[in-house]
Amino acid sequence: MPEQTRAVKLLKFGKKIDMEAFQGGVLYMNTLKHFQTLECCELRGDKDEGLSAVYQAKGAILSRQNDKGEFVPIGTIVDQLHYREKDSAHANVFCMYALQVEPKKQNIDERNLKFGDTFVLILDPIEFLNRVKRAAAQKRIEVYHKLVEY
């Protein structure tokens, strides 16, 4: 099933004043770097934010090519390798909670309630994303979206 059709409804949690601004068309965004370096709260701070891939490389041998063109081992990798796209730390992020078709019974993670006292429910995610894309295109801003899986 295409990713866009899997999300049945979108929810945005936050403070009432911010959710009212959102309903009025304001999408406040921080950069990925902000979330990577944020240490104040468990809900938003994430050193792994924006990772494109994680490779299980423990035990792999790291080699370097010498003057003769031979690869000489210089060490062993002791952990995972994390990969981020170039300049991704400067990308702006707008997060929402997606209620999906599968599983059929889905509970909302209670940690979302810590974002604020109000939520906005988006009944038509495809139309919402189309409107965001149109507004961004008018300002020559590129928009990428996808469901995030943890």
N, C-alpha and C. Protein backbone atom coordinates (compact mmCIF):
# COMPACT_ATOMS: atom_id res chain seq x y z
N MET A 1 0.85 -1.17 0.00
CA MET A 1 0.00 0.00 0.00
C MET A 1 0.90 1.24 0.00
N PRO A 2 0.65 2.22 -0.87
CA PRO A 2 1.48 3.42 -0.88
C PRO A 2 1.49 4.10 0.48
N GLU A 3 2.65 4.69 0.82
CA GLU A 3 2.84 5.29 2.14
C GLU A 3 1.78 6.36 2.45
N GLN A 4 1.42 7.18 1.46
CA GLN A 4 0.47 8.27 1.71
C GLN A 4 -0.91 7.75 2.09
N THR A 5 -1.28 6.58 1.62
CA THR A 5 -2.63 6.09 1.91
C THR A 5 -2.69 5.29 3.20
N ARG A 6 -1.53 4.96 3.78
CA ARG A 6 -1.52 4.20 5.04
C ARG A 6 -2.00 5.05 6.21
N ALA A 7 -1.68 6.35 6.19
CA ALA A 7 -2.09 7.22 7.29
C ALA A 7 -3.55 7.61 7.08
N VAL A 8 -4.39 7.22 8.01
CA VAL A 8 -5.82 7.52 7.90
C VAL A 8 -6.12 8.90 8.47
N LYS A 9 -5.49 9.21 9.58
CA LYS A 9 -5.67 10.51 10.24
C LYS A 9 -4.33 10.97 10.77
N LEU A 10 -4.14 12.28 10.87
CA LEU A 10 -2.94 12.85 11.47
C LEU A 10 -3.34 13.68 12.68
N LEU A 11 -2.53 13.62 13.71
CA LEU A 11 -2.76 14.41 14.92
C LEU A 11 -1.52 15.26 15.19
N LYS A 12 -1.75 16.49 15.60
CA LYS A 12 -0.66 17.36 16.03
C LYS A 12 -0.98 17.75 17.47
N PHE A 13 -0.07 17.41 18.39
CA PHE A 13 -0.26 17.72 19.81
C PHE A 13 0.56 18.94 20.17
N GLY A 14 0.02 19.78 21.07
CA GLY A 14 0.77 20.94 21.53
C GLY A 14 -0.05 21.82 22.46
N LYS A 15 0.54 22.98 22.76
CA LYS A 15 -0.16 23.97 23.58
C LYS A 15 -1.30 24.58 22.77
N LYS A 16 -2.37 24.95 23.48
CA LYS A 16 -3.56 25.47 22.80
C LYS A 16 -3.23 26.64 21.88
N ILE A 17 -2.43 27.58 22.33
CA ILE A 17 -2.11 28.75 21.51
C ILE A 17 -1.38 28.36 20.23
N ASP A 18 -0.49 27.35 20.33
CA ASP A 18 0.25 26.89 19.15
C ASP A 18 -0.66 26.11 18.20
N MET A 19 -1.58 25.35 18.75
CA MET A 19 -2.50 24.57 17.92
C MET A 19 -3.49 25.49 17.21
N GLU A 20 -3.86 26.60 17.86
CA GLU A 20 -4.73 27.58 17.19
C GLU A 20 -3.99 28.23 16.03
N ALA A 21 -2.70 28.53 16.23
CA ALA A 21 -1.88 29.09 15.14
C ALA A 21 -1.76 28.08 14.00
N PHE A 22 -1.58 26.81 14.35
CA PHE A 22 -1.50 25.75 13.34
C PHE A 22 -2.79 25.67 12.53
N GLN A 23 -3.93 25.73 13.21
CA GLN A 23 -5.21 25.72 12.51
C GLN A 23 -5.33 26.92 11.57
N GLY A 24 -4.66 28.01 11.91
CA GLY A 24 -4.66 29.20 11.07
C GLY A 24 -3.63 29.16 9.94
N GLY A 25 -2.88 28.05 9.85
CA GLY A 25 -1.95 27.89 8.74
C GLY A 25 -0.48 28.05 9.09
N VAL A 26 -0.15 28.20 10.37
CA VAL A 26 1.25 28.36 10.78
C VAL A 26 1.84 27.00 11.11
N LEU A 27 2.90 26.63 10.38
CA LEU A 27 3.61 25.38 10.65
C LEU A 27 4.98 25.77 11.19
N TYR A 28 5.15 25.73 12.51
CA TYR A 28 6.42 26.08 13.13
C TYR A 28 7.35 24.88 13.07
N MET A 29 8.59 25.13 12.61
CA MET A 29 9.54 24.03 12.45
C MET A 29 10.89 24.39 13.05
N ASN A 30 11.55 23.39 13.61
CA ASN A 30 12.94 23.49 14.03
C ASN A 30 13.79 22.65 13.08
N THR A 31 15.11 22.84 13.15
CA THR A 31 16.00 22.04 12.32
C THR A 31 16.26 20.69 12.97
N LEU A 32 16.72 19.74 12.18
CA LEU A 32 17.12 18.44 12.72
C LEU A 32 18.22 18.62 13.76
N LYS A 33 19.14 19.55 13.51
CA LYS A 33 20.23 19.78 14.45
C LYS A 33 19.68 20.18 15.82
N HIS A 34 18.63 20.98 15.84
CA HIS A 34 18.00 21.38 17.10
C HIS A 34 17.59 20.13 17.90
N PHE A 35 16.95 19.18 17.23
CA PHE A 35 16.48 17.98 17.92
C PHE A 35 17.64 17.04 18.28
N GLN A 36 18.69 17.05 17.46
CA GLN A 36 19.85 16.20 17.74
C GLN A 36 20.60 16.66 18.99
N THR A 37 20.59 17.96 19.24
CA THR A 37 21.38 18.51 20.35
C THR A 37 20.54 18.88 21.56
N LEU A 38 19.23 18.75 21.47
CA LEU A 38 18.32 19.09 22.55
C LEU A 38 18.48 18.10 23.69
N GLU A 39 18.76 18.59 24.88
CA GLU A 39 18.97 17.70 26.02
C GLU A 39 17.94 17.90 27.13
N CYS A 40 17.04 18.86 26.95
CA CYS A 40 16.17 19.25 28.05
C CYS A 40 15.02 18.29 28.30
N CYS A 41 14.62 17.52 27.30
CA CYS A 41 13.45 16.69 27.55
C CYS A 41 13.50 15.40 26.74
N GLU A 42 12.96 14.36 27.33
CA GLU A 42 12.96 13.04 26.70
C GLU A 42 12.09 12.97 25.46
N LEU A 43 11.08 13.85 25.35
CA LEU A 43 10.15 13.79 24.24
C LEU A 43 10.75 14.27 22.93
N ARG A 44 11.59 15.28 22.99
CA ARG A 44 12.06 15.90 21.75
C ARG A 44 13.53 15.66 21.45
N GLY A 45 14.36 15.50 22.46
CA GLY A 45 15.78 15.32 22.22
C GLY A 45 16.08 13.92 21.69
N ASP A 46 16.83 13.84 20.58
CA ASP A 46 17.14 12.54 20.00
C ASP A 46 18.43 12.64 19.20
N LYS A 47 19.51 12.07 19.74
CA LYS A 47 20.80 12.14 19.05
C LYS A 47 20.76 11.40 17.71
N ASP A 48 19.83 10.48 17.54
CA ASP A 48 19.72 9.73 16.29
C ASP A 48 18.75 10.36 15.30
N GLU A 49 18.22 11.53 15.63
CA GLU A 49 17.28 12.21 14.74
C GLU A 49 17.91 12.44 13.38
N GLY A 50 17.19 12.10 12.33
CA GLY A 50 17.66 12.36 10.98
C GLY A 50 18.59 11.32 10.40
N LEU A 51 18.78 10.20 11.09
CA LEU A 51 19.64 9.16 10.52
C LEU A 51 18.99 8.60 9.26
N SER A 52 19.80 8.43 8.22
CA SER A 52 19.31 7.83 6.99
C SER A 52 19.43 6.31 7.05
N ALA A 53 20.47 5.84 7.76
CA ALA A 53 20.69 4.40 7.87
C ALA A 53 21.56 4.10 9.07
N VAL A 54 21.38 2.91 9.62
CA VAL A 54 22.23 2.40 10.69
C VAL A 54 22.71 1.02 10.23
N TYR A 55 24.02 0.85 10.20
CA TYR A 55 24.60 -0.42 9.77
C TYR A 55 25.16 -1.15 10.97
N GLN A 56 24.80 -2.40 11.11
CA GLN A 56 25.33 -3.22 12.18
C GLN A 56 26.72 -3.69 11.75
N ALA A 57 27.75 -2.95 12.15
CA ALA A 57 29.10 -3.18 11.65
C ALA A 57 30.05 -3.71 12.71
N LYS A 58 29.56 -4.02 13.89
CA LYS A 58 30.42 -4.48 14.98
C LYS A 58 31.28 -5.66 14.52
N GLY A 59 32.59 -5.52 14.70
CA GLY A 59 33.52 -6.58 14.33
C GLY A 59 34.09 -6.43 12.93
N ALA A 60 33.57 -5.50 12.13
CA ALA A 60 34.10 -5.30 10.78
C ALA A 60 35.51 -4.73 10.88
N ILE A 61 36.34 -5.08 9.92
CA ILE A 61 37.72 -4.61 9.92
C ILE A 61 37.83 -3.35 9.08
N LEU A 62 38.42 -2.33 9.68
CA LEU A 62 38.65 -1.05 9.02
C LEU A 62 40.05 -1.08 8.43
N SER A 63 40.16 -0.81 7.11
CA SER A 63 41.45 -0.87 6.42
C SER A 63 41.73 0.45 5.72
N ARG A 64 43.03 0.66 5.45
CA ARG A 64 43.48 1.86 4.73
C ARG A 64 44.41 1.41 3.61
N GLN A 65 44.30 2.08 2.48
CA GLN A 65 45.15 1.72 1.34
C GLN A 65 46.51 2.38 1.50
N ASN A 66 47.59 1.58 1.39
CA ASN A 66 48.94 2.13 1.53
C ASN A 66 49.48 2.59 0.17
N ASP A 67 50.75 3.04 0.14
CA ASP A 67 51.37 3.57 -1.08
C ASP A 67 51.45 2.54 -2.20
N LYS A 68 51.47 1.27 -1.86
CA LYS A 68 51.58 0.19 -2.84
C LYS A 68 50.21 -0.26 -3.35
N GLY A 69 49.12 0.36 -2.85
CA GLY A 69 47.77 -0.01 -3.27
C GLY A 69 47.19 -1.16 -2.48
N GLU A 70 47.89 -1.60 -1.46
CA GLU A 70 47.42 -2.70 -0.62
C GLU A 70 46.58 -2.16 0.53
N PHE A 71 45.56 -2.92 0.89
CA PHE A 71 44.73 -2.52 2.02
C PHE A 71 45.29 -3.15 3.29
N VAL A 72 45.60 -2.29 4.26
CA VAL A 72 46.21 -2.72 5.52
C VAL A 72 45.21 -2.48 6.64
N PRO A 73 44.90 -3.53 7.42
CA PRO A 73 43.97 -3.35 8.55
C PRO A 73 44.52 -2.34 9.55
N ILE A 74 43.64 -1.43 10.00
CA ILE A 74 44.07 -0.45 11.01
C ILE A 74 43.22 -0.53 12.28
N GLY A 75 42.21 -1.35 12.28
CA GLY A 75 41.38 -1.47 13.47
C GLY A 75 40.12 -2.26 13.20
N THR A 76 39.35 -2.42 14.26
CA THR A 76 38.08 -3.13 14.19
C THR A 76 36.97 -2.20 14.66
N ILE A 77 35.87 -2.22 13.95
CA ILE A 77 34.72 -1.39 14.33
C ILE A 77 34.05 -2.05 15.53
N VAL A 78 33.81 -1.25 16.57
CA VAL A 78 33.27 -1.81 17.82
C VAL A 78 31.78 -1.51 18.02
N ASP A 79 31.15 -0.82 17.07
CA ASP A 79 29.75 -0.45 17.25
C ASP A 79 29.08 -0.32 15.89
N GLN A 80 27.92 0.33 15.87
CA GLN A 80 27.18 0.57 14.64
C GLN A 80 27.80 1.73 13.87
N LEU A 81 27.52 1.76 12.57
CA LEU A 81 27.85 2.91 11.74
C LEU A 81 26.56 3.67 11.47
N HIS A 82 26.56 4.96 11.73
CA HIS A 82 25.39 5.80 11.49
C HIS A 82 25.65 6.67 10.28
N TYR A 83 24.66 6.75 9.39
CA TYR A 83 24.81 7.54 8.17
C TYR A 83 23.70 8.59 8.10
N ARG A 84 24.13 9.83 7.81
CA ARG A 84 23.19 10.94 7.58
C ARG A 84 23.48 11.54 6.23
N GLU A 85 22.42 11.98 5.56
CA GLU A 85 22.59 12.68 4.30
C GLU A 85 23.34 13.99 4.53
N LYS A 86 24.11 14.42 3.56
CA LYS A 86 24.86 15.68 3.64
C LYS A 86 23.89 16.83 3.89
N ASP A 87 24.23 17.69 4.80
CA ASP A 87 23.46 18.90 5.14
C ASP A 87 22.09 18.62 5.75
N SER A 88 21.81 17.38 6.14
CA SER A 88 20.49 17.08 6.69
C SER A 88 20.23 17.80 8.01
N ALA A 89 21.27 18.14 8.76
CA ALA A 89 21.10 18.81 10.05
C ALA A 89 20.41 20.17 9.89
N HIS A 90 20.47 20.73 8.70
CA HIS A 90 19.87 22.05 8.46
C HIS A 90 18.42 21.98 7.95
N ALA A 91 17.95 20.76 7.72
CA ALA A 91 16.57 20.59 7.25
C ALA A 91 15.59 20.94 8.36
N ASN A 92 14.48 21.56 8.00
CA ASN A 92 13.43 21.87 8.96
C ASN A 92 12.47 20.70 9.06
N VAL A 93 11.94 20.49 10.27
CA VAL A 93 11.12 19.32 10.55
C VAL A 93 9.78 19.74 11.15
N PHE A 94 8.71 19.11 10.68
CA PHE A 94 7.38 19.29 11.25
C PHE A 94 6.83 17.90 11.52
N CYS A 95 6.61 17.57 12.77
CA CYS A 95 6.20 16.21 13.14
C CYS A 95 4.73 16.16 13.53
N MET A 96 4.11 15.05 13.16
CA MET A 96 2.73 14.78 13.52
C MET A 96 2.62 13.31 13.89
N TYR A 97 1.54 12.94 14.51
CA TYR A 97 1.28 11.56 14.90
C TYR A 97 0.31 10.96 13.89
N ALA A 98 0.65 9.82 13.30
CA ALA A 98 -0.20 9.20 12.28
C ALA A 98 -0.95 8.02 12.86
N LEU A 99 -2.26 8.04 12.71
CA LEU A 99 -3.09 6.88 13.00
C LEU A 99 -3.21 6.10 11.69
N GLN A 100 -2.84 4.84 11.70
CA GLN A 100 -2.75 4.09 10.47
C GLN A 100 -3.79 2.98 10.39
N VAL A 101 -3.95 2.45 9.19
CA VAL A 101 -4.89 1.37 8.94
C VAL A 101 -4.48 0.14 9.72
N GLU A 102 -3.19 -0.16 9.76
CA GLU A 102 -2.69 -1.35 10.45
C GLU A 102 -1.84 -0.91 11.62
N PRO A 103 -1.91 -1.44 12.77
CA PRO A 103 -2.89 -2.44 13.15
C PRO A 103 -4.28 -1.82 13.28
N LYS A 104 -5.30 -2.66 13.18
CA LYS A 104 -6.67 -2.14 13.18
C LYS A 104 -7.00 -1.42 14.47
N LYS A 105 -6.49 -1.92 15.58
CA LYS A 105 -6.72 -1.24 16.85
C LYS A 105 -5.41 -0.56 17.23
N GLN A 106 -5.43 0.76 17.30
CA GLN A 106 -4.22 1.50 17.61
C GLN A 106 -4.49 2.48 18.74
N ASN A 107 -3.68 2.40 19.76
CA ASN A 107 -3.77 3.35 20.86
C ASN A 107 -2.77 4.46 20.63
N ILE A 108 -3.11 5.65 21.07
CA ILE A 108 -2.19 6.78 20.97
C ILE A 108 -1.23 6.70 22.14
N ASP A 109 0.03 6.78 21.84
CA ASP A 109 1.07 6.75 22.87
C ASP A 109 0.83 7.91 23.84
N GLU A 110 0.68 7.59 25.12
CA GLU A 110 0.35 8.61 26.13
C GLU A 110 1.42 9.70 26.25
N ARG A 111 2.65 9.43 25.81
CA ARG A 111 3.70 10.46 25.87
C ARG A 111 3.33 11.67 25.02
N ASN A 112 2.48 11.49 24.01
CA ASN A 112 2.05 12.62 23.19
C ASN A 112 1.32 13.67 24.00
N LEU A 113 0.66 13.24 25.07
CA LEU A 113 -0.10 14.18 25.89
C LEU A 113 0.82 15.16 26.63
N LYS A 114 2.10 14.86 26.71
CA LYS A 114 3.06 15.75 27.36
C LYS A 114 3.46 16.93 26.48
N PHE A 115 3.09 16.90 25.19
CA PHE A 115 3.42 18.01 24.29
C PHE A 115 2.54 19.23 24.55
N GLY A 116 1.38 19.03 25.15
CA GLY A 116 0.48 20.14 25.42
C GLY A 116 -0.91 19.64 25.73
N ASP A 117 -1.81 20.61 25.93
CA ASP A 117 -3.17 20.30 26.38
C ASP A 117 -4.17 20.18 25.24
N THR A 118 -3.70 20.28 23.99
CA THR A 118 -4.61 20.35 22.85
C THR A 118 -4.04 19.54 21.68
N PHE A 119 -4.91 19.03 20.83
CA PHE A 119 -4.44 18.44 19.59
C PHE A 119 -5.34 18.88 18.45
N VAL A 120 -4.78 18.86 17.25
CA VAL A 120 -5.53 19.13 16.03
C VAL A 120 -5.59 17.81 15.26
N LEU A 121 -6.77 17.47 14.80
CA LEU A 121 -6.98 16.25 14.04
C LEU A 121 -7.11 16.60 12.56
N ILE A 122 -6.26 16.00 11.74
CA ILE A 122 -6.31 16.19 10.28
C ILE A 122 -7.06 14.99 9.71
N LEU A 123 -8.26 15.23 9.20
CA LEU A 123 -9.10 14.15 8.70
C LEU A 123 -8.70 13.67 7.31
N ASP A 124 -8.08 14.56 6.52
CA ASP A 124 -7.69 14.22 5.16
C ASP A 124 -6.20 14.52 4.97
N PRO A 125 -5.33 13.59 5.36
CA PRO A 125 -3.88 13.83 5.29
C PRO A 125 -3.38 14.16 3.89
N ILE A 126 -3.97 13.54 2.87
CA ILE A 126 -3.51 13.81 1.50
C ILE A 126 -3.80 15.25 1.12
N GLU A 127 -4.98 15.74 1.43
CA GLU A 127 -5.31 17.14 1.14
C GLU A 127 -4.43 18.08 1.95
N PHE A 128 -4.19 17.76 3.21
CA PHE A 128 -3.32 18.57 4.05
C PHE A 128 -1.92 18.68 3.42
N LEU A 129 -1.35 17.55 3.03
CA LEU A 129 -0.02 17.55 2.42
C LEU A 129 -0.02 18.30 1.09
N ASN A 130 -1.08 18.17 0.31
CA ASN A 130 -1.17 18.92 -0.95
C ASN A 130 -1.15 20.42 -0.70
N ARG A 131 -1.87 20.87 0.32
CA ARG A 131 -1.89 22.29 0.64
C ARG A 131 -0.52 22.78 1.11
N VAL A 132 0.14 21.97 1.93
CA VAL A 132 1.49 22.33 2.39
C VAL A 132 2.43 22.44 1.20
N LYS A 133 2.36 21.47 0.29
CA LYS A 133 3.23 21.48 -0.89
C LYS A 133 2.97 22.69 -1.78
N ARG A 134 1.69 23.03 -1.98
CA ARG A 134 1.36 24.20 -2.82
C ARG A 134 1.90 25.49 -2.20
N ALA A 135 1.70 25.65 -0.90
CA ALA A 135 2.19 26.86 -0.21
C ALA A 135 3.71 26.93 -0.26
N ALA A 136 4.37 25.80 -0.07
CA ALA A 136 5.83 25.76 -0.11
C ALA A 136 6.35 26.06 -1.52
N ALA A 137 5.69 25.50 -2.53
CA ALA A 137 6.11 25.72 -3.91
C ALA A 137 6.06 27.20 -4.28
N GLN A 138 5.08 27.92 -3.76
CA GLN A 138 4.97 29.36 -4.03
C GLN A 138 6.19 30.11 -3.50
N LYS A 139 6.83 29.57 -2.47
CA LYS A 139 8.01 30.20 -1.88
C LYS A 139 9.30 29.49 -2.29
N ARG A 140 9.17 28.58 -3.27
CA ARG A 140 10.31 27.81 -3.78
C ARG A 140 11.01 27.00 -2.69
N ILE A 141 10.20 26.39 -1.85
CA ILE A 141 10.70 25.53 -0.77
C ILE A 141 10.37 24.09 -1.11
N GLU A 142 11.36 23.21 -1.01
CA GLU A 142 11.14 21.80 -1.26
C GLU A 142 10.53 21.13 -0.03
N VAL A 143 9.60 20.24 -0.25
CA VAL A 143 8.93 19.53 0.84
C VAL A 143 9.09 18.03 0.61
N TYR A 144 9.53 17.33 1.65
CA TYR A 144 9.59 15.87 1.65
C TYR A 144 8.79 15.39 2.85
N HIS A 145 8.09 14.30 2.68
CA HIS A 145 7.33 13.76 3.82
C HIS A 145 7.36 12.25 3.75
N LYS A 146 7.31 11.66 4.93
CA LYS A 146 7.22 10.21 5.01
C LYS A 146 6.82 9.84 6.43
N LEU A 147 6.28 8.65 6.54
CA LEU A 147 5.99 8.10 7.85
C LEU A 147 7.29 7.61 8.45
N VAL A 148 7.48 7.87 9.73
CA VAL A 148 8.70 7.45 10.41
C VAL A 148 8.39 6.21 11.22
N GLU A 149 9.24 5.23 11.14
CA GLU A 149 9.08 4.00 11.92
C GLU A 149 10.23 3.89 12.89
N TYR A 150 9.90 3.56 14.14
CA TYR A 150 10.93 3.41 15.18
C TYR A 150 11.14 1.96 15.48
